[in-house]
Protein backbone atom coordinates (compact mmCIF):
# COMPACT_ATOMS: atom_id res chain seq x y z
CA UNK A 1 -0.03 0.11 0.01
CA UNK A 2 2.90 2.28 0.76
CA UNK A 3 4.26 1.81 -2.89
CA UNK A 4 0.77 2.68 -4.38
CA UNK A 5 1.25 5.49 -6.93
CA UNK A 6 -1.38 7.49 -4.80
CA UNK A 7 0.70 7.57 -1.76
CA UNK A 8 3.98 8.52 -3.44
CA UNK A 9 2.90 11.94 -3.90
CA UNK A 10 0.28 13.99 -2.09
CA UNK A 11 -1.58 17.07 -3.33
CA UNK A 12 0.98 19.47 -2.02
CA UNK A 13 4.06 17.89 -3.73
CA UNK A 14 2.54 16.28 -6.88
CA UNK A 15 3.15 18.03 -10.33
CA UNK A 16 2.06 17.15 -13.67
CA UNK A 17 6.05 17.76 -14.71
CA UNK A 18 6.75 14.65 -12.92
CA UNK A 19 4.66 12.57 -15.48
CA UNK A 20 5.35 11.38 -19.04
CA UNK A 21 1.69 11.71 -19.57
CA UNK A 22 2.03 15.45 -19.26
CA UNK A 23 4.69 15.65 -21.90
CA UNK A 24 2.81 13.15 -24.21
CA UNK A 25 -0.25 15.29 -23.88
CA UNK A 26 1.52 18.56 -24.61
CA UNK A 27 3.23 17.08 -27.55
CA UNK A 28 -0.04 15.84 -28.85
CA UNK A 29 -1.68 19.31 -28.33
CA UNK A 30 1.20 20.77 -30.07
CA UNK A 31 0.86 18.64 -33.04
CA UNK A 32 -2.86 19.29 -33.32
CA UNK A 33 -2.25 23.30 -32.90
CA UNK A 34 0.41 22.99 -35.93
CA UNK A 35 -2.17 21.08 -37.98
CA UNK A 36 -4.85 23.70 -37.23
CA UNK A 37 -2.59 26.47 -38.03
CA UNK A 38 -1.93 25.03 -41.43
CA UNK A 39 -5.55 24.67 -42.15
CA UNK A 40 -6.14 28.45 -41.16
CA UNK A 41 -8.13 27.45 -37.90
CA UNK A 42 -6.01 28.88 -35.22
CA UNK A 43 -8.66 31.24 -34.12
CA UNK A 44 -11.44 28.80 -34.43
CA UNK A 45 -10.20 26.66 -31.45
CA UNK A 46 -9.74 29.14 -28.67
CA UNK A 47 -9.88 26.36 -25.91
CA UNK A 48 -7.38 24.24 -27.04
CA UNK A 49 -5.02 23.12 -24.44
CA UNK A 50 -3.11 20.27 -22.70
CA UNK A 51 -4.55 19.31 -19.33
CA UNK A 52 -4.22 16.78 -16.70
CA UNK A 53 -7.26 15.27 -14.79
CA UNK A 54 -7.16 14.54 -11.00
CA UNK A 55 -6.19 10.94 -11.79
CA UNK A 56 -2.97 12.29 -13.57
CA UNK A 57 -4.18 11.15 -17.00
CA UNK A 58 -3.47 13.56 -19.78
CA UNK A 59 -6.27 15.20 -21.69
CA UNK A 60 -6.32 17.44 -25.05
CA UNK A 61 -9.18 19.83 -24.30
CA UNK A 62 -10.56 21.06 -27.67
CA UNK A 63 -13.40 22.99 -26.18
CA UNK A 64 -16.61 24.41 -27.86
CA UNK A 65 -16.47 25.41 -31.77
CA UNK A 66 -18.94 27.02 -33.96
CA UNK A 67 -21.05 24.78 -36.43
CA UNK A 68 -19.27 26.53 -39.30
CA UNK A 69 -15.84 25.42 -37.69
CA UNK A 70 -17.35 22.00 -37.17
CA UNK A 71 -18.45 21.65 -40.99
CA UNK A 72 -14.92 22.72 -41.90
CA UNK A 73 -13.23 20.29 -39.79
CA UNK A 74 -15.41 17.47 -40.88
CA UNK A 75 -14.59 18.45 -44.65
CA UNK A 76 -10.78 18.44 -43.74
CA UNK A 77 -11.18 15.00 -42.23
CA UNK A 78 -13.00 13.80 -45.34
CA UNK A 79 -10.58 15.07 -47.74
CA UNK A 80 -7.81 13.72 -45.62
CA UNK A 81 -9.55 10.12 -45.70
CA UNK A 82 -10.13 10.27 -49.30
CA UNK A 83 -6.41 11.06 -50.02
CA UNK A 84 -5.33 8.34 -47.83
CA UNK A 85 -7.55 5.80 -49.58
CA UNK A 86 -6.52 6.88 -52.94
CA UNK A 87 -2.99 6.66 -52.24
CA UNK A 88 -3.57 3.18 -50.98
CA UNK A 89 -5.13 2.37 -54.01
CA UNK A 90 -2.50 3.86 -56.15
CA UNK A 91 0.15 1.82 -54.35
CA UNK A 92 -1.69 -1.47 -54.79
CA UNK A 93 -1.97 -1.96 -50.91
CA UNK A 94 -5.14 -3.44 -49.36
CA UNK A 95 -7.23 -0.59 -47.52
CA UNK A 96 -7.66 -1.24 -43.83
CA UNK A 97 -11.01 -2.60 -42.86
CA UNK A 98 -13.45 -0.21 -41.33
CA UNK A 99 -14.77 -1.41 -37.99
CA UNK A 100 -17.49 0.80 -37.04
CA UNK A 101 -19.44 -0.71 -33.98
CA UNK A 102 -17.34 -3.92 -34.05
CA UNK A 103 -14.87 -3.02 -31.10
């Protein structure tokens, strides 16, 4: 029980900087930020940030977005998926199976 992760750090000494999850979360948030910048969506995600919850799990907060931003993001994802599938077809590789609802 003394070796349990919850007993190693109390609220006064625990820091997200002590966690690999923090750096993983921060790097993922930075990668998403860079992609949004490339797409011209930097002002459309004002709540984007890296966070840690009370259990020390890293989370990327996207926040609320406008319907127009949601439509643009959906279109970008559709274009990326189409381009990826087209590239697979051109290379002769088998496309991955889509497993909607089969987890």
